Amino acid sequence: MIPTSPIDYVPRFCSGLTLRGEVQSKAVEILRQASEKELTSGRGPTGVAAAAIYIASILCGDRRTQREVAEVAGITEVTIRNRYKELAEELDIENHPLMYVKDSIIEAQIEKDLKKEQLKGRIKELEHQIRSEGNGGRRTIEKN
């Protein structure tokens, strides 16, 4: 059986992330460069493909988070981070102007926004629950 190439995963992962064809092409280009430098040897093809897609999404201005890419690829964010660092460093992508934005800052902001949305949803659920219970001796919320 022939080992699976990371390139084989790119169309499916890009489709799952609703990424443009430009991102898919860039990811394949990154993977070809990585293969030429033997950066894919001994690495899981899904992790390498996911990292290339993550990098390509940033470079093409159609950014996806590490979490989003990890979920579609069925791997951990740590795997993407490790493969991303290897590819970016070895292919000199880390010096690209779009890569200067610190990933950890972006990821932290996205996490913060996600938590805000989750909290807003929970507050709405509780408000609805309280309204549906009525006032028959039950607690009420006073609005200032």
C-alpha atoms as a PDB file:
ATOM      1  CA  MET A   1       0.000   0.000   0.000  1.00  0.00           C
ATOM      2  CA  ILE A   2       1.348   3.448  -0.994  1.00  0.00           C
ATOM      3  CA  PRO A   3       1.618   5.941   1.896  1.00  0.00           C
ATOM      4  CA  THR A   4      -0.904   8.752   1.746  1.00  0.00           C
ATOM      5  CA  SER A   5       0.411  12.164   0.749  1.00  0.00           C
ATOM      6  CA  PRO A   6      -0.608  15.287   2.684  1.00  0.00           C
ATOM      7  CA  ILE A   7      -1.734  16.770  -0.661  1.00  0.00           C
ATOM      8  CA  ASP A   8      -4.451  14.093  -0.831  1.00  0.00           C
ATOM      9  CA  TYR A   9      -6.176  15.671   2.186  1.00  0.00           C
ATOM     10  CA  VAL A  10      -6.166  19.280   0.982  1.00  0.00           C
ATOM     11  CA  PRO A  11      -9.374  19.279  -1.142  1.00  0.00           C
ATOM     12  CA  ARG A  12     -11.476  17.637   1.588  1.00  0.00           C
ATOM     13  CA  PHE A  13     -10.154  19.838   4.390  1.00  0.00           C
ATOM     14  CA  CYS A  14     -10.502  23.037   2.325  1.00  0.00           C
ATOM     15  CA  SER A  15     -14.046  22.065   1.404  1.00  0.00           C
ATOM     16  CA  GLY A  16     -14.891  21.441   5.062  1.00  0.00           C
ATOM     17  CA  LEU A  17     -13.546  24.889   5.892  1.00  0.00           C
ATOM     18  CA  THR A  18     -15.290  26.536   2.900  1.00  0.00           C
ATOM     19  CA  LEU A  19     -11.997  27.955   1.693  1.00  0.00           C
ATOM     20  CA  ARG A  20     -11.479  29.435  -1.762  1.00  0.00           C
ATOM     21  CA  GLY A  21      -9.559  27.634  -4.501  1.00  0.00           C
ATOM     22  CA  GLU A  22      -6.729  30.122  -4.075  1.00  0.00           C
ATOM     23  CA  VAL A  23      -6.130  28.819  -0.537  1.00  0.00           C
ATOM     24  CA  GLN A  24      -6.207  25.219  -1.731  1.00  0.00           C
ATOM     25  CA  SER A  25      -3.650  25.981  -4.453  1.00  0.00           C
ATOM     26  CA  LYS A  26      -1.395  27.804  -1.985  1.00  0.00           C
ATOM     27  CA  ALA A  27      -1.593  24.883   0.467  1.00  0.00           C
ATOM     28  CA  VAL A  28      -0.582  22.439  -2.284  1.00  0.00           C
ATOM     29  CA  GLU A  29       2.309  24.746  -3.246  1.00  0.00           C
ATOM     30  CA  ILE A  30       3.468  24.820   0.399  1.00  0.00           C
ATOM     31  CA  LEU A  31       3.238  21.034   0.612  1.00  0.00           C
ATOM     32  CA  ARG A  32       5.246  20.580  -2.584  1.00  0.00           C
ATOM     33  CA  GLN A  33       7.977  22.845  -1.216  1.00  0.00           C
ATOM     34  CA  ALA A  34       7.907  20.945   2.088  1.00  0.00           C
ATOM     35  CA  SER A  35       8.155  17.622   0.280  1.00  0.00           C
ATOM     36  CA  GLU A  36      11.144  18.828  -1.760  1.00  0.00           C
ATOM     37  CA  LYS A  37      12.911  19.715   1.484  1.00  0.00           C
ATOM     38  CA  GLU A  38      11.806  16.372   2.987  1.00  0.00           C
ATOM     39  CA  LEU A  39       9.875  18.112   5.754  1.00  0.00           C
ATOM     40  CA  THR A  40       6.934  15.738   5.442  1.00  0.00           C
ATOM     41  CA  SER A  41       8.890  12.525   6.099  1.00  0.00           C
ATOM     42  CA  GLY A  42       7.994  10.861   9.355  1.00  0.00           C
ATOM     43  CA  ARG A  43       5.069  13.195   9.949  1.00  0.00           C
ATOM     44  CA  GLY A  44       1.385  12.338   9.881  1.00  0.00           C
ATOM     45  CA  PRO A  45      -0.028  13.473   6.547  1.00  0.00           C
ATOM     46  CA  THR A  46      -3.169  14.968   8.110  1.00  0.00           C
ATOM     47  CA  GLY A  47      -1.156  17.192  10.458  1.00  0.00           C
ATOM     48  CA  VAL A  48       1.137  18.429   7.695  1.00  0.00           C
ATOM     49  CA  ALA A  49      -1.810  19.079   5.367  1.00  0.00           C
ATOM     50  CA  ALA A  50      -3.715  20.919   8.105  1.00  0.00           C
ATOM     51  CA  ALA A  51      -0.714  23.130   8.909  1.00  0.00           C
ATOM     52  CA  ALA A  52      -0.219  23.979   5.220  1.00  0.00           C
ATOM     53  CA  ILE A  53      -3.898  24.909   4.932  1.00  0.00           C
ATOM     54  CA  TYR A  54      -3.679  27.021   8.079  1.00  0.00           C
ATOM     55  CA  ILE A  55      -0.654  28.901   6.666  1.00  0.00           C
ATOM     56  CA  ALA A  56      -2.264  29.256   3.225  1.00  0.00           C
ATOM     57  CA  SER A  57      -5.464  30.643   4.746  1.00  0.00           C
ATOM     58  CA  ILE A  58      -3.456  33.395   6.453  1.00  0.00           C
ATOM     59  CA  LEU A  59      -1.367  34.188   3.395  1.00  0.00           C
ATOM     60  CA  CYS A  60      -4.436  34.383   1.152  1.00  0.00           C
ATOM     61  CA  GLY A  61      -6.416  36.562   3.558  1.00  0.00           C
ATOM     62  CA  ASP A  62      -9.068  33.916   4.204  1.00  0.00           C
ATOM     63  CA  ARG A  63      -7.910  33.046   7.707  1.00  0.00           C
ATOM     64  CA  ARG A  64      -9.186  30.087   9.685  1.00  0.00           C
ATOM     65  CA  THR A  65      -8.250  29.445  13.300  1.00  0.00           C
ATOM     66  CA  GLN A  66      -6.092  26.547  14.399  1.00  0.00           C
ATOM     67  CA  ARG A  67      -9.136  25.168  16.183  1.00  0.00           C
ATOM     68  CA  GLU A  68     -11.294  25.261  13.034  1.00  0.00           C
ATOM     69  CA  VAL A  69      -8.627  23.543  10.953  1.00  0.00           C
ATOM     70  CA  ALA A  70      -7.948  20.979  13.691  1.00  0.00           C
ATOM     71  CA  GLU A  71     -11.639  20.064  13.937  1.00  0.00           C
ATOM     72  CA  VAL A  72     -11.980  19.484  10.196  1.00  0.00           C
ATOM     73  CA  ALA A  73      -8.714  17.502  10.073  1.00  0.00           C
ATOM     74  CA  GLY A  74      -9.509  15.444  13.168  1.00  0.00           C
ATOM     75  CA  ILE A  75      -6.269  16.380  14.928  1.00  0.00           C
ATOM     76  CA  THR A  76      -5.284  18.558  17.873  1.00  0.00           C
ATOM     77  CA  GLU A  77      -4.436  22.244  17.800  1.00  0.00           C
ATOM     78  CA  VAL A  78      -1.045  21.321  19.265  1.00  0.00           C
ATOM     79  CA  THR A  79      -0.290  19.191  16.201  1.00  0.00           C
ATOM     80  CA  ILE A  80      -1.161  22.074  13.891  1.00  0.00           C
ATOM     81  CA  ARG A  81       0.951  24.465  15.951  1.00  0.00           C
ATOM     82  CA  ASN A  82       3.964  22.129  15.856  1.00  0.00           C
ATOM     83  CA  ARG A  83       3.723  21.421  12.100  1.00  0.00           C
ATOM     84  CA  TYR A  84       2.983  25.105  11.403  1.00  0.00           C
ATOM     85  CA  LYS A  85       6.125  26.211  13.234  1.00  0.00           C
ATOM     86  CA  GLU A  86       8.245  23.633  11.395  1.00  0.00           C
ATOM     87  CA  LEU A  87       6.893  24.534   7.959  1.00  0.00           C
ATOM     88  CA  ALA A  88       6.951  28.291   8.510  1.00  0.00           C
ATOM     89  CA  GLU A  89      10.531  28.198   9.790  1.00  0.00           C
ATOM     90  CA  GLU A  90      11.972  25.786   7.215  1.00  0.00           C
ATOM     91  CA  LEU A  91      10.190  27.354   4.235  1.00  0.00           C
ATOM     92  CA  ASP A  92      10.957  30.879   5.484  1.00  0.00           C
ATOM     93  CA  ILE A  93       7.258  31.701   5.586  1.00  0.00           C
ATOM     94  CA  GLU A  94       7.559  33.108   9.096  1.00  0.00           C
ATOM     95  CA  ASN A  95       9.153  36.237   7.590  1.00  0.00           C
ATOM     96  CA  HIS A  96       6.203  36.904   5.292  1.00  0.00           C
ATOM     97  CA  PRO A  97       4.533  40.232   6.238  1.00  0.00           C
ATOM     98  CA  LEU A  98       1.164  38.574   6.906  1.00  0.00           C
ATOM     99  CA  MET A  99       2.757  36.169   9.365  1.00  0.00           C
ATOM    100  CA  TYR A 100       4.028  38.968  11.641  1.00  0.00           C
ATOM    101  CA  VAL A 101       0.744  39.172  13.501  1.00  0.00           C
ATOM    102  CA  LYS A 102       1.293  37.093  16.573  1.00  0.00           C
ATOM    103  CA  ASP A 103      -0.810  33.956  16.294  1.00  0.00           C
ATOM    104  CA  SER A 104      -1.293  33.602  20.021  1.00  0.00           C
ATOM    105  CA  ILE A 105      -2.813  37.096  20.229  1.00  0.00           C
ATOM    106  CA  ILE A 106      -5.236  36.347  17.405  1.00  0.00           C
ATOM    107  CA  GLU A 107      -6.179  32.953  18.874  1.00  0.00           C
ATOM    108  CA  ALA A 108      -6.721  34.526  22.317  1.00  0.00           C
ATOM    109  CA  GLN A 109      -9.017  37.192  20.856  1.00  0.00           C
ATOM    110  CA  ILE A 110     -11.019  34.578  18.963  1.00  0.00           C
ATOM    111  CA  GLU A 111     -11.351  32.509  22.150  1.00  0.00           C
ATOM    112  CA  LYS A 112     -12.490  35.606  24.048  1.00  0.00           C
ATOM    113  CA  ASP A 113     -15.088  36.423  21.374  1.00  0.00           C
ATOM    114  CA  LEU A 114     -16.330  32.833  21.379  1.00  0.00           C
ATOM    115  CA  LYS A 115     -16.724  32.844  25.159  1.00  0.00           C
ATOM    116  CA  LYS A 116     -18.630  36.141  24.981  1.00  0.00           C
ATOM    117  CA  GLU A 117     -21.038  34.636  22.469  1.00  0.00           C
ATOM    118  CA  GLN A 118     -21.496  31.531  24.625  1.00  0.00           C
ATOM    119  CA  LEU A 119     -22.190  33.689  27.681  1.00  0.00           C
ATOM    120  CA  LYS A 120     -24.697  35.830  25.770  1.00  0.00           C
ATOM    121  CA  GLY A 121     -26.498  32.659  24.704  1.00  0.00           C
ATOM    122  CA  ARG A 122     -26.566  31.332  28.269  1.00  0.00           C
ATOM    123  CA  ILE A 123     -27.926  34.646  29.590  1.00  0.00           C
ATOM    124  CA  LYS A 124     -30.733  34.540  27.023  1.00  0.00           C
ATOM    125  CA  GLU A 125     -31.562  30.963  28.052  1.00  0.00           C
ATOM    126  CA  LEU A 126     -31.755  31.944  31.727  1.00  0.00           C
ATOM    127  CA  GLU A 127     -33.862  35.029  31.004  1.00  0.00           C
ATOM    128  CA  HIS A 128     -36.271  32.903  28.987  1.00  0.00           C
ATOM    129  CA  GLN A 129     -36.416  30.292  31.748  1.00  0.00           C
ATOM    130  CA  ILE A 130     -37.170  32.937  34.377  1.00  0.00           C
ATOM    131  CA  ARG A 131     -39.881  34.542  32.218  1.00  0.00           C
ATOM    132  CA  SER A 132     -41.506  31.181  31.519  1.00  0.00           C
ATOM    133  CA  GLU A 133     -41.586  30.319  35.238  1.00  0.00           C
ATOM    134  CA  GLY A 134     -43.746  33.369  35.835  1.00  0.00           C
ATOM    135  CA  ASN A 135     -43.885  35.286  39.060  1.00  0.00           C
ATOM    136  CA  GLY A 136     -45.890  32.800  41.148  1.00  0.00           C
ATOM    137  CA  GLY A 137     -43.664  33.121  44.181  1.00  0.00           C
ATOM    138  CA  ARG A 138     -40.554  32.561  42.150  1.00  0.00           C
ATOM    139  CA  ARG A 139     -37.615  34.891  41.869  1.00  0.00           C
ATOM    140  CA  THR A 140     -37.638  37.747  39.408  1.00  0.00           C
ATOM    141  CA  ILE A 141     -34.954  39.845  37.863  1.00  0.00           C
ATOM    142  CA  GLU A 142     -35.150  43.550  38.492  1.00  0.00           C
ATOM    143  CA  LYS A 143     -33.816  45.729  35.734  1.00  0.00           C
ATOM    144  CA  ASN A 144     -32.124  48.951  36.750  1.00  0.00           C
END
